[in-house]
Amino acid sequence: MKKNDIISSQSSISGKQLVELEKIGLVIRELRFNFGLLTQKELADRCGVHFNTIHTIEHGRRNYNLLSLIKIICYFEYDLPTFMRELM
């Protein structure tokens, strides 16, 4: 992906959406640390997603695949509705 592509994908995210992505990233990061101090790579391997996916979610700067998020939250024994309520 070129630098211009990244800037373009970021600029299509509104300020409010960016805040929500950042909140999701913070929760995932907290869970990762509280769940045995997993590295991003370890979490990615255990969830069956790419390391860059974990990195992207935790930094909250770009949109990502909902299926990847579900794999991650399921690893932490959450379901999507419960996880989303915790963000509120």
C-alpha atoms as a PDB file:
ATOM      1  CA  MET A   1       0.000   0.000   0.000  1.00  0.00           C
ATOM      2  CA  LYS A   2       1.340   3.411  -0.949  1.00  0.00           C
ATOM      3  CA  LYS A   3       1.520   6.338   1.449  1.00  0.00           C
ATOM      4  CA  ASN A   4      -1.156   8.192  -0.543  1.00  0.00           C
ATOM      5  CA  ASP A   5      -3.503   5.191  -0.230  1.00  0.00           C
ATOM      6  CA  ILE A   6      -3.106   5.216   3.554  1.00  0.00           C
ATOM      7  CA  ILE A   7      -3.759   8.947   3.787  1.00  0.00           C
ATOM      8  CA  SER A   8      -6.796   8.552   1.544  1.00  0.00           C
ATOM      9  CA  SER A   9      -8.265   5.724   3.661  1.00  0.00           C
ATOM     10  CA  GLN A  10      -7.679   7.715   6.858  1.00  0.00           C
ATOM     11  CA  SER A  11      -9.259  10.876   5.508  1.00  0.00           C
ATOM     12  CA  SER A  12     -12.479   9.007   4.708  1.00  0.00           C
ATOM     13  CA  ILE A  13     -12.984   8.310   8.420  1.00  0.00           C
ATOM     14  CA  SER A  14     -14.858  11.044  10.279  1.00  0.00           C
ATOM     15  CA  GLY A  15     -13.648  12.404  13.604  1.00  0.00           C
ATOM     16  CA  LYS A  16     -16.371  10.596  15.556  1.00  0.00           C
ATOM     17  CA  GLN A  17     -15.630   7.300  13.802  1.00  0.00           C
ATOM     18  CA  LEU A  18     -11.936   7.736  14.517  1.00  0.00           C
ATOM     19  CA  VAL A  19     -12.687   8.204  18.219  1.00  0.00           C
ATOM     20  CA  GLU A  20     -14.710   4.977  18.221  1.00  0.00           C
ATOM     21  CA  LEU A  21     -11.919   3.075  16.447  1.00  0.00           C
ATOM     22  CA  GLU A  22      -9.462   4.396  19.016  1.00  0.00           C
ATOM     23  CA  LYS A  23     -11.717   3.243  21.898  1.00  0.00           C
ATOM     24  CA  ILE A  24     -11.918  -0.256  20.408  1.00  0.00           C
ATOM     25  CA  GLY A  25      -8.139  -0.294  20.050  1.00  0.00           C
ATOM     26  CA  LEU A  26      -7.604   0.733  23.662  1.00  0.00           C
ATOM     27  CA  VAL A  27      -9.909  -2.017  24.928  1.00  0.00           C
ATOM     28  CA  ILE A  28      -8.169  -4.663  22.812  1.00  0.00           C
ATOM     29  CA  ARG A  29      -4.786  -3.453  24.056  1.00  0.00           C
ATOM     30  CA  GLU A  30      -5.957  -3.577  27.691  1.00  0.00           C
ATOM     31  CA  LEU A  31      -7.335  -7.071  27.208  1.00  0.00           C
ATOM     32  CA  ARG A  32      -4.069  -8.188  25.631  1.00  0.00           C
ATOM     33  CA  PHE A  33      -2.052  -6.843  28.563  1.00  0.00           C
ATOM     34  CA  ASN A  34      -4.475  -8.199  31.164  1.00  0.00           C
ATOM     35  CA  PHE A  35      -4.575 -11.601  29.499  1.00  0.00           C
ATOM     36  CA  GLY A  36      -1.024 -12.601  30.331  1.00  0.00           C
ATOM     37  CA  LEU A  37       0.924  -9.755  28.721  1.00  0.00           C
ATOM     38  CA  LEU A  38       0.523 -11.167  25.221  1.00  0.00           C
ATOM     39  CA  THR A  39       2.499  -9.535  22.454  1.00  0.00           C
ATOM     40  CA  GLN A  40       0.640  -8.395  19.360  1.00  0.00           C
ATOM     41  CA  LYS A  41       2.240 -11.289  17.452  1.00  0.00           C
ATOM     42  CA  GLU A  42       1.166 -13.858  20.063  1.00  0.00           C
ATOM     43  CA  LEU A  43      -2.402 -12.575  20.016  1.00  0.00           C
ATOM     44  CA  ALA A  44      -2.469 -12.590  16.222  1.00  0.00           C
ATOM     45  CA  ASP A  45      -1.215 -16.195  16.120  1.00  0.00           C
ATOM     46  CA  ARG A  46      -3.766 -17.340  18.696  1.00  0.00           C
ATOM     47  CA  CYS A  47      -6.652 -15.597  16.915  1.00  0.00           C
ATOM     48  CA  GLY A  48      -5.699 -16.604  13.400  1.00  0.00           C
ATOM     49  CA  VAL A  49      -5.253 -13.063  12.137  1.00  0.00           C
ATOM     50  CA  HIS A  50      -2.219 -11.236  10.797  1.00  0.00           C
ATOM     51  CA  PHE A  51       0.006  -9.265  13.178  1.00  0.00           C
ATOM     52  CA  ASN A  52      -0.736  -6.090  11.195  1.00  0.00           C
ATOM     53  CA  THR A  53      -4.432  -6.526  12.008  1.00  0.00           C
ATOM     54  CA  ILE A  54      -3.745  -6.354  15.752  1.00  0.00           C
ATOM     55  CA  HIS A  55      -1.437  -3.397  15.221  1.00  0.00           C
ATOM     56  CA  THR A  56      -4.037  -1.577  13.089  1.00  0.00           C
ATOM     57  CA  ILE A  57      -6.855  -2.163  15.571  1.00  0.00           C
ATOM     58  CA  GLU A  58      -4.823  -1.084  18.592  1.00  0.00           C
ATOM     59  CA  HIS A  59      -3.713   2.125  16.915  1.00  0.00           C
ATOM     60  CA  GLY A  60      -7.275   2.928  15.819  1.00  0.00           C
ATOM     61  CA  ARG A  61      -6.170   4.723  12.711  1.00  0.00           C
ATOM     62  CA  ARG A  62      -7.765   2.698   9.931  1.00  0.00           C
ATOM     63  CA  ASN A  63     -10.843   0.665   9.327  1.00  0.00           C
ATOM     64  CA  TYR A  64     -10.484  -3.111   9.576  1.00  0.00           C
ATOM     65  CA  ASN A  65     -12.411  -6.291   8.993  1.00  0.00           C
ATOM     66  CA  LEU A  66     -15.281  -7.035  11.397  1.00  0.00           C
ATOM     67  CA  LEU A  67     -14.542 -10.766  11.175  1.00  0.00           C
ATOM     68  CA  SER A  68     -11.024 -10.106  12.481  1.00  0.00           C
ATOM     69  CA  LEU A  69     -12.431  -8.132  15.412  1.00  0.00           C
ATOM     70  CA  ILE A  70     -14.848 -10.953  16.208  1.00  0.00           C
ATOM     71  CA  LYS A  71     -12.010 -13.507  16.181  1.00  0.00           C
ATOM     72  CA  ILE A  72     -10.072 -11.350  18.621  1.00  0.00           C
ATOM     73  CA  ILE A  73     -12.909 -10.686  21.042  1.00  0.00           C
ATOM     74  CA  CYS A  74     -13.915 -14.350  20.969  1.00  0.00           C
ATOM     75  CA  TYR A  75     -10.369 -15.233  22.021  1.00  0.00           C
ATOM     76  CA  PHE A  76     -10.967 -13.093  25.111  1.00  0.00           C
ATOM     77  CA  GLU A  77     -14.288 -14.935  25.629  1.00  0.00           C
ATOM     78  CA  TYR A  78     -16.498 -11.978  24.727  1.00  0.00           C
ATOM     79  CA  ASP A  79     -19.372 -11.876  22.300  1.00  0.00           C
ATOM     80  CA  LEU A  80     -19.819  -8.829  20.095  1.00  0.00           C
ATOM     81  CA  PRO A  81     -22.806  -7.280  21.969  1.00  0.00           C
ATOM     82  CA  THR A  82     -21.058  -7.590  25.347  1.00  0.00           C
ATOM     83  CA  PHE A  83     -17.843  -6.156  23.942  1.00  0.00           C
ATOM     84  CA  MET A  84     -19.673  -3.203  22.411  1.00  0.00           C
ATOM     85  CA  ARG A  85     -21.499  -2.474  25.699  1.00  0.00           C
ATOM     86  CA  GLU A  86     -18.120  -2.331  27.453  1.00  0.00           C
ATOM     87  CA  LEU A  87     -17.081   0.451  25.077  1.00  0.00           C
ATOM     88  CA  MET A  88     -19.911   2.716  26.256  1.00  0.00           C
END
